[in-house]
Protein backbone atom coordinates (compact mmCIF):
# COMPACT_ATOMS: atom_id res chain seq x y z
CA MET A 1 0.20 -0.37 0.27
CA GLY A 2 1.29 3.57 -0.83
CA GLU A 3 0.41 7.00 -1.31
CA PRO A 4 -2.44 7.25 -3.78
CA LYS A 5 -0.80 8.96 -7.13
CA GLY A 6 -1.56 12.42 -7.62
CA ALA A 7 -1.95 12.64 -3.90
CA ALA A 8 -0.19 15.71 -2.13
CA ARG A 9 2.75 14.53 -0.60
CA LYS A 10 4.95 16.31 2.05
CA GLY A 11 6.71 19.23 0.34
CA ASP A 12 4.23 19.77 -2.18
CA ARG A 13 4.37 23.57 -2.96
CA THR A 14 1.02 24.52 -4.93
CA ALA A 15 -0.79 25.48 -2.07
CA CYS A 16 1.28 27.59 -0.92
CA SER A 17 2.06 29.43 -4.12
CA PRO A 18 1.65 32.96 -4.64
CA ASP A 19 -1.43 34.67 -6.33
CA PRO A 20 -0.31 34.38 -10.13
CA HIS A 21 -2.64 37.56 -10.81
CA GLY A 22 -1.07 39.40 -7.81
CA ASP A 23 -2.67 41.81 -5.73
CA ASP A 24 -3.66 45.23 -7.16
CA GLY A 25 -5.36 46.53 -4.01
CA ARG A 26 -9.04 46.14 -5.03
CA ARG A 27 -11.65 44.71 -2.79
CA LEU A 28 -15.29 43.47 -3.22
CA ILE A 29 -17.37 45.68 -1.17
CA ALA A 30 -21.18 44.88 -3.03
CA TRP A 31 -22.62 41.64 -4.04
CA LEU A 32 -25.86 40.80 -6.02
CA HIS A 33 -26.88 37.96 -6.64
CA ILE A 34 -29.63 36.73 -8.87
CA VAL A 35 -31.20 33.43 -9.44
CA ALA A 36 -33.55 32.87 -12.25
CA PRO A 37 -34.78 29.39 -13.36
CA ARG A 38 -36.75 29.15 -16.32
CA GLY A 39 -39.76 28.45 -15.27
CA ALA A 40 -39.41 29.07 -11.91
CA VAL A 41 -39.85 32.59 -9.97
CA PRO A 42 -36.85 34.81 -9.63
CA THR A 43 -34.81 35.86 -6.63
CA ALA A 44 -32.28 38.01 -5.48
CA THR A 45 -30.05 39.06 -3.05
CA SER A 46 -28.17 42.40 -2.62
CA LYS A 47 -25.23 42.66 0.08
CA CYS A 48 -22.56 45.45 0.98
CA ALA A 49 -19.69 45.13 3.36
CA CYS A 50 -20.85 48.24 5.09
CA GLY A 51 -24.08 46.07 6.20
CA ARG A 52 -26.55 46.61 3.70
CA ASP A 53 -28.21 43.32 3.28
CA ARG A 54 -31.49 42.76 0.90
CA SER A 55 -33.39 40.49 -0.76
CA ALA A 56 -36.20 40.22 -3.38
CA VAL A 57 -38.90 37.41 -4.57
CA GLY A 58 -40.51 37.80 -7.88
CA LYS A 59 -39.78 39.57 -11.02
CA PRO A 60 -41.39 42.88 -10.21
CA ARG A 61 -39.04 42.66 -6.54
CA VAL A 62 -36.25 41.51 -8.31
CA LEU A 63 -36.06 44.34 -11.07
CA ALA A 64 -36.64 46.96 -8.15
CA LEU A 65 -33.78 45.35 -5.95
CA ILE A 66 -31.14 45.62 -9.16
CA ASP A 67 -32.43 49.20 -9.42
CA ASP A 68 -32.04 49.75 -5.60
CA HIS A 69 -28.49 47.87 -5.73
CA THR A 70 -27.23 50.20 -8.35
CA ALA A 71 -28.60 52.94 -6.45
CA HIS A 72 -26.84 52.14 -3.15
CA ARG A 73 -23.45 52.79 -5.05
CA THR A 74 -23.92 56.50 -4.78
CA VAL A 75 -24.69 56.43 -1.25
CA CYS A 76 -22.55 53.61 0.59
CA PRO A 77 -20.14 55.14 3.03
CA LEU A 78 -17.47 52.64 2.10
CA ARG A 79 -17.37 53.83 -1.59
CA ASN A 80 -17.94 57.37 -0.80
CA PRO A 81 -16.01 58.43 2.53
CA GLN A 82 -17.26 61.44 3.74
CA GLU A 83 -14.89 62.56 5.64
CA GLY A 84 -12.92 65.66 4.37
CA ARG A 85 -16.08 66.78 2.95
CA ALA A 86 -17.68 70.12 3.45
CA ALA A 87 -21.09 70.07 5.14
CA ALA A 88 -24.28 70.63 3.57
């Protein structure tokens, strides 16, 4: 009996390799996940790292959530920091 061929063995470095794409400093802030199977009721979830978490069920509400998610980009405190701006 021995180790199966192709199994990770001592000294296998593939798991520790650096990211081949590099790190350009960008980070995910907001996610919009839409599920719309053919013949079924569509659902959507909109999440943001600022704490926003909304969901919708049904075509009209999913379409409204897509618009709301897009509008949130302009008011999100993580994307548009208010520090240093003059008060209105």
